Amino acid sequence: MTEIIVSTTPSLEGRPAKEYLGIVTGEVIVGANIVRDLFAGIRDIVGGRSGAYEDVLQRAREQAIGEMRMRAATLGANAVVGVDLDYETVGSSGSMLMVTCSGTAILV
């Protein structure tokens, strides 16, 4: 599979779109871990960054973008522009995190 360029900008400088192929998305939902939550809570009390949560967010974001890239490739795209990333808690007690991304698949 060719590398799919992903950009938050509406176009790629010096590479005009030859064809717009449609909107593509990627979604990932990750569950919270009670041990990680406990340590994150302690870190919030004493200050500092929560590395455990940052790692989970990074992996979820990479997975969502990877899913979006695969969907773009199935349309014949070699780039996705105008990408928007969103994070939201879901579940009855907000115990899960949803990471979504969307953009426009194009051929440059």
Protein backbone atom coordinates (compact mmCIF):
# COMPACT_ATOMS: atom_id res chain seq x y z
CA MET A 1 0.00 0.00 0.00
CA THR A 2 1.30 3.49 -0.85
CA GLU A 3 1.82 5.95 1.96
CA ILE A 4 -1.27 8.09 2.49
CA ILE A 5 -0.39 11.72 3.28
CA VAL A 6 -2.49 13.06 6.17
CA SER A 7 -2.83 16.81 6.72
CA THR A 8 -4.98 19.07 8.84
CA THR A 9 -4.71 21.76 6.16
CA PRO A 10 -7.41 21.99 3.46
CA SER A 11 -4.87 21.40 0.67
CA LEU A 12 -1.29 20.28 0.10
CA GLU A 13 1.03 23.09 -0.91
CA GLY A 14 2.34 22.61 -4.43
CA ARG A 15 0.27 19.45 -4.94
CA PRO A 16 -3.22 20.31 -6.17
CA ALA A 17 -5.98 17.74 -5.85
CA LYS A 18 -6.73 15.93 -9.10
CA GLU A 19 -9.82 14.32 -7.66
CA TYR A 20 -11.90 14.51 -4.48
CA LEU A 21 -12.97 11.02 -3.46
CA GLY A 22 -15.12 11.61 -0.39
CA ILE A 23 -15.11 11.83 3.38
CA VAL A 24 -13.22 9.17 5.32
CA THR A 25 -13.25 8.50 9.05
CA GLY A 26 -11.51 6.49 11.73
CA GLU A 27 -12.88 5.66 15.16
CA VAL A 28 -11.36 4.02 18.21
CA ILE A 29 -12.89 3.48 21.64
CA VAL A 30 -10.62 2.53 24.54
CA GLY A 31 -11.67 1.48 28.01
CA ALA A 32 -10.26 2.95 31.17
CA ASN A 33 -8.11 0.77 33.41
CA ILE A 34 -8.78 1.01 37.16
CA VAL A 35 -5.08 0.70 38.11
CA ARG A 36 -4.08 3.35 35.56
CA ASP A 37 -6.94 5.55 36.85
CA LEU A 38 -5.71 5.17 40.42
CA PHE A 39 -2.15 6.22 39.56
CA ALA A 40 -3.41 9.04 37.32
CA GLY A 41 -5.52 10.30 40.23
CA ILE A 42 -2.49 10.29 42.52
CA ARG A 43 -0.45 12.12 39.91
CA ASP A 44 -3.23 14.71 39.59
CA ILE A 45 -3.02 15.34 43.35
CA VAL A 46 0.78 15.71 43.45
CA GLY A 47 1.05 17.36 40.03
CA GLY A 48 2.76 16.35 36.85
CA ARG A 49 1.72 14.71 33.64
CA SER A 50 -0.07 11.40 33.40
CA GLY A 51 2.18 9.33 31.15
CA ALA A 52 -0.20 6.36 31.25
CA TYR A 53 -3.06 8.39 29.82
CA GLU A 54 -0.82 10.12 27.31
CA ASP A 55 0.32 6.73 25.98
CA VAL A 56 -3.27 5.53 25.65
CA LEU A 57 -4.27 8.72 23.83
CA GLN A 58 -1.32 8.47 21.47
CA ARG A 59 -2.06 4.84 20.58
CA ALA A 60 -5.77 5.54 20.10
CA ARG A 61 -5.01 8.54 17.88
CA GLU A 62 -2.56 6.52 15.76
CA GLN A 63 -5.10 3.70 15.41
CA ALA A 64 -7.89 6.08 14.37
CA ILE A 65 -5.63 7.76 11.78
CA GLY A 66 -4.50 4.33 10.53
CA GLU A 67 -8.12 3.27 10.08
CA MET A 68 -8.87 6.49 8.20
CA ARG A 69 -5.83 5.93 5.95
CA MET A 70 -7.04 2.40 5.10
CA ARG A 71 -10.48 3.71 4.17
CA ALA A 72 -8.87 6.39 1.98
CA ALA A 73 -6.72 3.76 0.25
CA THR A 74 -9.80 1.68 -0.60
CA LEU A 75 -11.16 4.74 -2.43
CA GLY A 76 -7.92 5.05 -4.40
CA ALA A 77 -6.70 8.14 -2.54
CA ASN A 78 -3.10 8.97 -1.79
CA ALA A 79 -3.86 11.79 0.66
CA VAL A 80 -6.40 12.94 3.24
CA VAL A 81 -6.79 16.68 3.83
CA GLY A 82 -8.76 18.79 6.28
CA VAL A 83 -8.29 16.18 9.00
CA ASP A 84 -10.06 16.86 12.28
CA LEU A 85 -9.36 14.90 15.48
CA ASP A 86 -11.90 14.69 18.30
CA TYR A 87 -11.74 13.15 21.78
CA GLU A 88 -14.80 12.36 23.86
CA THR A 89 -15.68 10.26 26.89
CA VAL A 90 -18.44 7.72 26.37
CA GLY A 91 -20.20 5.07 28.43
CA SER A 92 -22.60 5.35 31.34
CA SER A 93 -19.93 6.69 33.69
CA GLY A 94 -17.59 8.16 31.10
CA SER A 95 -15.36 5.13 31.54
CA MET A 96 -14.33 4.95 27.91
CA LEU A 97 -12.58 7.34 25.58
CA MET A 98 -13.53 7.71 21.94
CA VAL A 99 -11.04 9.13 19.45
CA THR A 100 -12.39 10.00 16.02
CA CYS A 101 -10.83 11.56 12.97
CA SER A 102 -12.29 12.59 9.65
CA GLY A 103 -11.07 14.22 6.50
CA THR A 104 -11.44 14.36 2.73
CA ALA A 105 -9.75 11.65 0.68
CA ILE A 106 -8.08 13.06 -2.42
CA LEU A 107 -5.84 11.99 -5.27
CA VAL A 108 -2.87 14.31 -5.85
